[in-house]
């Protein structure tokens, strides 16, 4: 349980910073959100023009950040 545990909350917030950096850089917030939804197993649909999807490198970077975030948050919640 994390409720009221500010130390864990701060650790989780710190773990989220790399994801926030990816979302806020380069003007591709919507593309990142849609790809993140797809990676999570939900269908987000295609980009509406004039937006274009993420390139292979951008997708790889986002996927790595998500994997690391999930692993870190799980560890924090388990008390590590």
PDB file of N, CA and C in Angstrom:
ATOM      1  N   UNK A   1       0.847  -1.185   0.000  1.00  0.00           N
ATOM      2  CA  UNK A   1       0.000   0.000   0.000  1.00  0.00           C
ATOM      3  C   UNK A   1       0.890   1.246   0.000  1.00  0.00           C
ATOM      4  N   UNK A   2       0.536   2.224  -0.788  1.00  0.00           N
ATOM      5  CA  UNK A   2       1.326   3.441  -0.914  1.00  0.00           C
ATOM      6  C   UNK A   2       0.648   4.612  -0.219  1.00  0.00           C
ATOM      7  N   UNK A   3      -0.640   4.534   0.052  1.00  0.00           N
ATOM      8  CA  UNK A   3      -1.413   5.642   0.604  1.00  0.00           C
ATOM      9  C   UNK A   3      -0.701   6.273   1.804  1.00  0.00           C
ATOM     10  N   UNK A   4      -0.433   7.569   1.686  1.00  0.00           N
ATOM     11  CA  UNK A   4       0.211   8.295   2.766  1.00  0.00           C
ATOM     12  C   UNK A   4       1.713   8.118   2.857  1.00  0.00           C
ATOM     13  N   UNK A   5       2.288   7.311   1.987  1.00  0.00           N
ATOM     14  CA  UNK A   5       3.733   7.079   2.018  1.00  0.00           C
ATOM     15  C   UNK A   5       4.399   8.044   1.042  1.00  0.00           C
ATOM     16  N   UNK A   6       4.756   9.213   1.557  1.00  0.00           N
ATOM     17  CA  UNK A   6       5.313  10.254   0.697  1.00  0.00           C
ATOM     18  C   UNK A   6       6.673   9.877   0.126  1.00  0.00           C
ATOM     19  N   UNK A   7       7.447   9.100   0.843  1.00  0.00           N
ATOM     20  CA  UNK A   7       8.760   8.672   0.337  1.00  0.00           C
ATOM     21  C   UNK A   7       8.572   7.810  -0.913  1.00  0.00           C
ATOM     22  N   UNK A   8       7.638   6.856  -0.851  1.00  0.00           N
ATOM     23  CA  UNK A   8       7.369   6.031  -2.031  1.00  0.00           C
ATOM     24  C   UNK A   8       6.810   6.884  -3.155  1.00  0.00           C
ATOM     25  N   UNK A   9       5.938   7.799  -2.809  1.00  0.00           N
ATOM     26  CA  UNK A   9       5.354   8.684  -3.824  1.00  0.00           C
ATOM     27  C   UNK A   9       6.422   9.492  -4.542  1.00  0.00           C
ATOM     28  N   UNK A  10       7.384  10.009  -3.786  1.00  0.00           N
ATOM     29  CA  UNK A  10       8.488  10.767  -4.400  1.00  0.00           C
ATOM     30  C   UNK A  10       9.329   9.879  -5.307  1.00  0.00           C
ATOM     31  N   UNK A  11       9.566   8.638  -4.864  1.00  0.00           N
ATOM     32  CA  UNK A  11      10.351   7.709  -5.691  1.00  0.00           C
ATOM     33  C   UNK A  11       9.614   7.387  -6.993  1.00  0.00           C
ATOM     34  N   UNK A  12       8.307   7.190  -6.901  1.00  0.00           N
ATOM     35  CA  UNK A  12       7.520   6.914  -8.109  1.00  0.00           C
ATOM     36  C   UNK A  12       7.528   8.131  -9.029  1.00  0.00           C
ATOM     37  N   UNK A  13       7.363   9.319  -8.457  1.00  0.00           N
ATOM     38  CA  UNK A  13       7.390  10.542  -9.273  1.00  0.00           C
ATOM     39  C   UNK A  13       8.741  10.692  -9.958  1.00  0.00           C
ATOM     40  N   UNK A  14       9.816  10.414  -9.248  1.00  0.00           N
ATOM     41  CA  UNK A  14      11.150  10.489  -9.849  1.00  0.00           C
ATOM     42  C   UNK A  14      11.297   9.473 -10.979  1.00  0.00           C
ATOM     43  N   UNK A  15      10.718   8.283 -10.790  1.00  0.00           N
ATOM     44  CA  UNK A  15      10.788   7.251 -11.832  1.00  0.00           C
ATOM     45  C   UNK A  15      10.013   7.664 -13.070  1.00  0.00           C
ATOM     46  N   UNK A  16       9.020   8.550 -12.911  1.00  0.00           N
ATOM     47  CA  UNK A  16       8.201   8.993 -14.041  1.00  0.00           C
ATOM     48  C   UNK A  16       8.856  10.108 -14.854  1.00  0.00           C
ATOM     49  N   UNK A  17       9.885  10.738 -14.325  1.00  0.00           N
ATOM     50  CA  UNK A  17      10.500  11.873 -15.010  1.00  0.00           C
ATOM     51  C   UNK A  17      11.010  11.547 -16.417  1.00  0.00           C
ATOM     52  N   UNK A  18      11.662  10.390 -16.646  1.00  0.00           N
ATOM     53  CA  UNK A  18      12.085  10.099 -18.024  1.00  0.00           C
ATOM     54  C   UNK A  18      10.901  10.015 -19.003  1.00  0.00           C
ATOM     55  N   UNK A  19       9.774   9.469 -18.553  1.00  0.00           N
ATOM     56  CA  UNK A  19       8.593   9.417 -19.417  1.00  0.00           C
ATOM     57  C   UNK A  19       8.088  10.827 -19.700  1.00  0.00           C
ATOM     58  N   UNK A  20       8.057  11.663 -18.695  1.00  0.00           N
ATOM     59  CA  UNK A  20       7.614  13.045 -18.897  1.00  0.00           C
ATOM     60  C   UNK A  20       8.504  13.785 -19.884  1.00  0.00           C
ATOM     61  N   UNK A  21       9.815  13.530 -19.795  1.00  0.00           N
ATOM     62  CA  UNK A  21      10.741  14.176 -20.737  1.00  0.00           C
ATOM     63  C   UNK A  21      10.437  13.744 -22.170  1.00  0.00           C
ATOM     64  N   UNK A  22      10.187  12.448 -22.363  1.00  0.00           N
ATOM     65  CA  UNK A  22       9.867  11.953 -23.711  1.00  0.00           C
ATOM     66  C   UNK A  22       8.570  12.580 -24.203  1.00  0.00           C
ATOM     67  N   UNK A  23       7.566  12.662 -23.352  1.00  0.00           N
ATOM     68  CA  UNK A  23       6.271  13.211 -23.747  1.00  0.00           C
ATOM     69  C   UNK A  23       6.334  14.698 -24.067  1.00  0.00           C
ATOM     70  N   UNK A  24       7.220  15.421 -23.404  1.00  0.00           N
ATOM     71  CA  UNK A  24       7.263  16.869 -23.553  1.00  0.00           C
ATOM     72  C   UNK A  24       8.233  17.370 -24.609  1.00  0.00           C
ATOM     73  N   UNK A  25       9.062  16.512 -25.140  1.00  0.00           N
ATOM     74  CA  UNK A  25      10.045  16.991 -26.119  1.00  0.00           C
ATOM     75  C   UNK A  25       9.583  16.719 -27.544  1.00  0.00           C
ATOM     76  N   UNK A  26       9.959  17.570 -28.432  1.00  0.00           N
ATOM     77  CA  UNK A  26       9.769  17.321 -29.849  1.00  0.00           C
ATOM     78  C   UNK A  26       8.378  17.509 -30.408  1.00  0.00           C
ATOM     79  N   UNK A  27       7.416  17.946 -29.605  1.00  0.00           N
ATOM     80  CA  UNK A  27       6.089  18.209 -30.135  1.00  0.00           C
ATOM     81  C   UNK A  27       5.352  16.974 -30.624  1.00  0.00           C
ATOM     82  N   UNK A  28       5.629  15.819 -30.031  1.00  0.00           N
ATOM     83  CA  UNK A  28       4.982  14.579 -30.467  1.00  0.00           C
ATOM     84  C   UNK A  28       4.230  13.920 -29.313  1.00  0.00           C
ATOM     85  N   UNK A  29       3.576  14.741 -28.497  1.00  0.00           N
ATOM     86  CA  UNK A  29       2.855  14.234 -27.343  1.00  0.00           C
ATOM     87  C   UNK A  29       1.771  13.240 -27.759  1.00  0.00           C
ATOM     88  N   UNK A  30       0.935  13.624 -28.704  1.00  0.00           N
ATOM     89  CA  UNK A  30      -0.172  12.758 -29.133  1.00  0.00           C
ATOM     90  C   UNK A  30       0.362  11.463 -29.725  1.00  0.00           C
ATOM     91  N   UNK A  31       1.416  11.547 -30.543  1.00  0.00           N
ATOM     92  CA  UNK A  31       1.995  10.346 -31.135  1.00  0.00           C
ATOM     93  C   UNK A  31       2.518   9.403 -30.055  1.00  0.00           C
ATOM     94  N   UNK A  32       3.158   9.972 -29.027  1.00  0.00           N
ATOM     95  CA  UNK A  32       3.680   9.148 -27.930  1.00  0.00           C
ATOM     96  C   UNK A  32       2.551   8.495 -27.150  1.00  0.00           C
ATOM     97  N   UNK A  33       1.503   9.242 -26.864  1.00  0.00           N
ATOM     98  CA  UNK A  33       0.366   8.687 -26.129  1.00  0.00           C
ATOM     99  C   UNK A  33      -0.265   7.553 -26.933  1.00  0.00           C
ATOM    100  N   UNK A  34      -0.496   7.767 -28.217  1.00  0.00           N
ATOM    101  CA  UNK A  34      -1.103   6.723 -29.047  1.00  0.00           C
ATOM    102  C   UNK A  34      -0.219   5.483 -29.101  1.00  0.00           C
ATOM    103  N   UNK A  35       1.079   5.660 -29.254  1.00  0.00           N
ATOM    104  CA  UNK A  35       1.967   4.494 -29.309  1.00  0.00           C
ATOM    105  C   UNK A  35       1.999   3.794 -27.943  1.00  0.00           C
ATOM    106  N   UNK A  36       2.013   4.563 -26.868  1.00  0.00           N
ATOM    107  CA  UNK A  36       1.995   3.970 -25.532  1.00  0.00           C
ATOM    108  C   UNK A  36       0.733   3.153 -25.295  1.00  0.00           C
ATOM    109  N   UNK A  37      -0.386   3.632 -25.793  1.00  0.00           N
ATOM    110  CA  UNK A  37      -1.648   2.899 -25.677  1.00  0.00           C
ATOM    111  C   UNK A  37      -1.557   1.593 -26.462  1.00  0.00           C
ATOM    112  N   UNK A  38      -1.002   1.659 -27.658  1.00  0.00           N
ATOM    113  CA  UNK A  38      -0.847   0.466 -28.498  1.00  0.00           C
ATOM    114  C   UNK A  38       0.073  -0.550 -27.812  1.00  0.00           C
ATOM    115  N   UNK A  39       1.174  -0.072 -27.240  1.00  0.00           N
ATOM    116  CA  UNK A  39       2.115  -0.946 -26.547  1.00  0.00           C
ATOM    117  C   UNK A  39       1.427  -1.634 -25.361  1.00  0.00           C
ATOM    118  N   UNK A  40       0.474  -0.948 -24.762  1.00  0.00           N
ATOM    119  CA  UNK A  40      -0.262  -1.502 -23.619  1.00  0.00           C
ATOM    120  C   UNK A  40      -1.361  -2.469 -24.040  1.00  0.00           C
ATOM    121  N   UNK A  41      -1.529  -2.668 -25.346  1.00  0.00           N
ATOM    122  CA  UNK A  41      -2.482  -3.654 -25.822  1.00  0.00           C
ATOM    123  C   UNK A  41      -3.838  -3.115 -26.248  1.00  0.00           C
ATOM    124  N   UNK A  42      -3.981  -1.804 -26.281  1.00  0.00           N
ATOM    125  CA  UNK A  42      -5.238  -1.202 -26.724  1.00  0.00           C
ATOM    126  C   UNK A  42      -5.048  -0.591 -28.106  1.00  0.00           C
ATOM    127  N   UNK A  43      -6.105  -0.565 -28.887  1.00  0.00           N
ATOM    128  CA  UNK A  43      -6.029   0.017 -30.223  1.00  0.00           C
ATOM    129  C   UNK A  43      -6.338   1.506 -30.139  1.00  0.00           C
ATOM    130  N   UNK A  44      -5.416   2.336 -30.595  1.00  0.00           N
ATOM    131  CA  UNK A  44      -5.586   3.788 -30.517  1.00  0.00           C
ATOM    132  C   UNK A  44      -6.006   4.401 -31.845  1.00  0.00           C
ATOM    133  N   UNK A  45      -5.917   3.640 -32.913  1.00  0.00           N
ATOM    134  CA  UNK A  45      -6.284   4.172 -34.221  1.00  0.00           C
ATOM    135  C   UNK A  45      -5.158   4.962 -34.852  1.00  0.00           C
ATOM    136  N   UNK A  46      -5.323   5.297 -36.108  1.00  0.00           N
ATOM    137  CA  UNK A  46      -4.271   6.006 -36.841  1.00  0.00           C
ATOM    138  C   UNK A  46      -4.211   7.490 -36.463  1.00  0.00           C
ATOM    139  N   UNK A  47      -3.100   8.104 -36.821  1.00  0.00           N
ATOM    140  CA  UNK A  47      -2.944   9.542 -36.640  1.00  0.00           C
ATOM    141  C   UNK A  47      -3.860  10.260 -37.622  1.00  0.00           C
ATOM    142  N   UNK A  48      -4.397  11.373 -37.176  1.00  0.00           N
ATOM    143  CA  UNK A  48      -5.177  12.193 -38.103  1.00  0.00           C
ATOM    144  C   UNK A  48      -4.242  13.231 -38.712  1.00  0.00           C
ATOM    145  N   UNK A  49      -4.349  13.446 -40.013  1.00  0.00           N
ATOM    146  CA  UNK A  49      -3.503  14.440 -40.677  1.00  0.00           C
ATOM    147  C   UNK A  49      -3.665  15.807 -40.011  1.00  0.00           C
ATOM    148  N   UNK A  50      -2.600  16.546 -39.956  1.00  0.00           N
ATOM    149  CA  UNK A  50      -1.310  16.365 -40.609  1.00  0.00           C
ATOM    150  C   UNK A  50      -0.301  15.599 -39.757  1.00  0.00           C
ATOM    151  N   UNK A  51      -0.696  15.073 -38.608  1.00  0.00           N
ATOM    152  CA  UNK A  51       0.251  14.364 -37.745  1.00  0.00           C
ATOM    153  C   UNK A  51       0.710  13.060 -38.376  1.00  0.00           C
ATOM    154  N   UNK A  52       1.942  12.725 -38.106  1.00  0.00           N
ATOM    155  CA  UNK A  52       2.522  11.460 -38.552  1.00  0.00           C
ATOM    156  C   UNK A  52       2.956  10.696 -37.306  1.00  0.00           C
ATOM    157  N   UNK A  53       2.960   9.372 -37.398  1.00  0.00           N
ATOM    158  CA  UNK A  53       3.355   8.538 -36.268  1.00  0.00           C
ATOM    159  C   UNK A  53       4.827   8.673 -35.934  1.00  0.00           C
ATOM    160  N   UNK A  54       5.222   8.047 -34.848  1.00  0.00           N
ATOM    161  CA  UNK A  54       6.624   8.040 -34.433  1.00  0.00           C
ATOM    162  C   UNK A  54       7.458   7.191 -35.380  1.00  0.00           C
ATOM    163  N   UNK A  55       8.718   7.564 -35.549  1.00  0.00           N
ATOM    164  CA  UNK A  55       9.611   6.727 -36.344  1.00  0.00           C
ATOM    165  C   UNK A  55      10.116   5.571 -35.470  1.00  0.00           C
ATOM    166  N   UNK A  56      10.841   4.668 -36.053  1.00  0.00           N
ATOM    167  CA  UNK A  56      11.297   3.464 -35.354  1.00  0.00           C
ATOM    168  C   UNK A  56      12.121   3.785 -34.108  1.00  0.00           C
ATOM    169  N   UNK A  57      13.017   4.735 -34.200  1.00  0.00           N
ATOM    170  CA  UNK A  57      13.865   5.106 -33.055  1.00  0.00           C
ATOM    171  C   UNK A  57      13.036   5.728 -31.935  1.00  0.00           C
ATOM    172  N   UNK A  58      12.099   6.580 -32.289  1.00  0.00           N
ATOM    173  CA  UNK A  58      11.241   7.213 -31.281  1.00  0.00           C
ATOM    174  C   UNK A  58      10.380   6.158 -30.571  1.00  0.00           C
ATOM    175  N   UNK A  59       9.880   5.199 -31.328  1.00  0.00           N
ATOM    176  CA  UNK A  59       9.089   4.110 -30.734  1.00  0.00           C
ATOM    177  C   UNK A  59       9.946   3.293 -29.779  1.00  0.00           C
ATOM    178  N   UNK A  60      11.154   2.966 -30.202  1.00  0.00           N
ATOM    179  CA  UNK A  60      12.061   2.175 -29.371  1.00  0.00           C
ATOM    180  C   UNK A  60      12.366   2.902 -28.066  1.00  0.00           C
ATOM    181  N   UNK A  61      12.656   4.186 -28.159  1.00  0.00           N
ATOM    182  CA  UNK A  61      12.966   4.973 -26.971  1.00  0.00           C
ATOM    183  C   UNK A  61      11.778   4.999 -26.008  1.00  0.00           C
ATOM    184  N   UNK A  62      10.582   5.250 -26.523  1.00  0.00           N
ATOM    185  CA  UNK A  62       9.395   5.293 -25.681  1.00  0.00           C
ATOM    186  C   UNK A  62       9.138   3.939 -25.033  1.00  0.00           C
ATOM    187  N   UNK A  63       9.264   2.870 -25.798  1.00  0.00           N
ATOM    188  CA  UNK A  63       9.040   1.524 -25.265  1.00  0.00           C
ATOM    189  C   UNK A  63      10.032   1.203 -24.144  1.00  0.00           C
ATOM    190  N   UNK A  64      11.284   1.612 -24.305  1.00  0.00           N
ATOM    191  CA  UNK A  64      12.296   1.374 -23.268  1.00  0.00           C
ATOM    192  C   UNK A  64      11.971   2.154 -22.003  1.00  0.00           C
ATOM    193  N   UNK A  65      11.562   3.395 -22.162  1.00  0.00           N
ATOM    194  CA  UNK A  65      11.205   4.218 -21.006  1.00  0.00           C
ATOM    195  C   UNK A  65      10.015   3.602 -20.268  1.00  0.00           C
ATOM    196  N   UNK A  66       9.025   3.113 -21.005  1.00  0.00           N
ATOM    197  CA  UNK A  66       7.850   2.489 -20.390  1.00  0.00           C
ATOM    198  C   UNK A  66       8.244   1.220 -19.643  1.00  0.00           C
ATOM    199  N   UNK A  67       9.080   0.375 -20.261  1.00  0.00           N
ATOM    200  CA  UNK A  67       9.533  -0.858 -19.600  1.00  0.00           C
ATOM    201  C   UNK A  67      10.249  -0.546 -18.284  1.00  0.00           C
ATOM    202  N   UNK A  68      11.165   0.402 -18.348  1.00  0.00           N
ATOM    203  CA  UNK A  68      11.931   0.782 -17.153  1.00  0.00           C
ATOM    204  C   UNK A  68      11.007   1.337 -16.078  1.00  0.00           C
ATOM    205  N   UNK A  69      10.067   2.183 -16.470  1.00  0.00           N
ATOM    206  CA  UNK A  69       9.124   2.760 -15.519  1.00  0.00           C
ATOM    207  C   UNK A  69       8.296   1.673 -14.834  1.00  0.00           C
ATOM    208  N   UNK A  70       7.764   0.751 -15.605  1.00  0.00           N
ATOM    209  CA  UNK A  70       6.946  -0.320 -15.024  1.00  0.00           C
ATOM    210  C   UNK A  70       7.754  -1.166 -14.041  1.00  0.00           C
ATOM    211  N   UNK A  71       8.965  -1.506 -14.415  1.00  0.00           N
ATOM    212  CA  UNK A  71       9.830  -2.303 -13.544  1.00  0.00           C
ATOM    213  C   UNK A  71      10.157  -1.561 -12.254  1.00  0.00           C
ATOM    214  N   UNK A  72      10.477  -0.282 -12.376  1.00  0.00           N
ATOM    215  CA  UNK A  72      10.852   0.524 -11.219  1.00  0.00           C
ATOM    216  C   UNK A  72       9.671   0.708 -10.279  1.00  0.00           C
ATOM    217  N   UNK A  73       8.498   1.043 -10.829  1.00  0.00           N
ATOM    218  CA  UNK A  73       7.317   1.249  -9.992  1.00  0.00           C
ATOM    219  C   UNK A  73       6.923  -0.041  -9.286  1.00  0.00           C
ATOM    220  N   UNK A  74       7.003  -1.156  -9.996  1.00  0.00           N
ATOM    221  CA  UNK A  74       6.697  -2.451  -9.372  1.00  0.00           C
ATOM    222  C   UNK A  74       7.641  -2.706  -8.201  1.00  0.00           C
ATOM    223  N   UNK A  75       8.902  -2.448  -8.396  1.00  0.00           N
ATOM    224  CA  UNK A  75       9.893  -2.635  -7.331  1.00  0.00           C
ATOM    225  C   UNK A  75       9.602  -1.740  -6.127  1.00  0.00           C
ATOM    226  N   UNK A  76       9.274  -0.485  -6.392  1.00  0.00           N
ATOM    227  CA  UNK A  76       8.962   0.448  -5.312  1.00  0.00           C
ATOM    228  C   UNK A  76       7.731  -0.017  -4.539  1.00  0.00           C
ATOM    229  N   UNK A  77       6.690  -0.441  -5.264  1.00  0.00           N
ATOM    230  CA  UNK A  77       5.454  -0.883  -4.616  1.00  0.00           C
ATOM    231  C   UNK A  77       5.655  -2.163  -3.803  1.00  0.00           C
ATOM    232  N   UNK A  78       6.617  -2.969  -4.212  1.00  0.00           N
ATOM    233  CA  UNK A  78       6.905  -4.200  -3.477  1.00  0.00           C
ATOM    234  C   UNK A  78       7.812  -3.951  -2.281  1.00  0.00           C
ATOM    235  N   UNK A  79       8.230  -2.702  -2.114  1.00  0.00           N
ATOM    236  CA  UNK A  79       9.037  -2.355  -0.943  1.00  0.00           C
ATOM    237  C   UNK A  79      10.525  -2.388  -1.155  1.00  0.00           C
ATOM    238  N   UNK A  80      10.962  -2.441  -2.375  1.00  0.00           N
ATOM    239  CA  UNK A  80      12.408  -2.478  -2.670  1.00  0.00           C
ATOM    240  C   UNK A  80      12.955  -1.086  -2.902  1.00  0.00           C
TER     241      UNK A  80
END
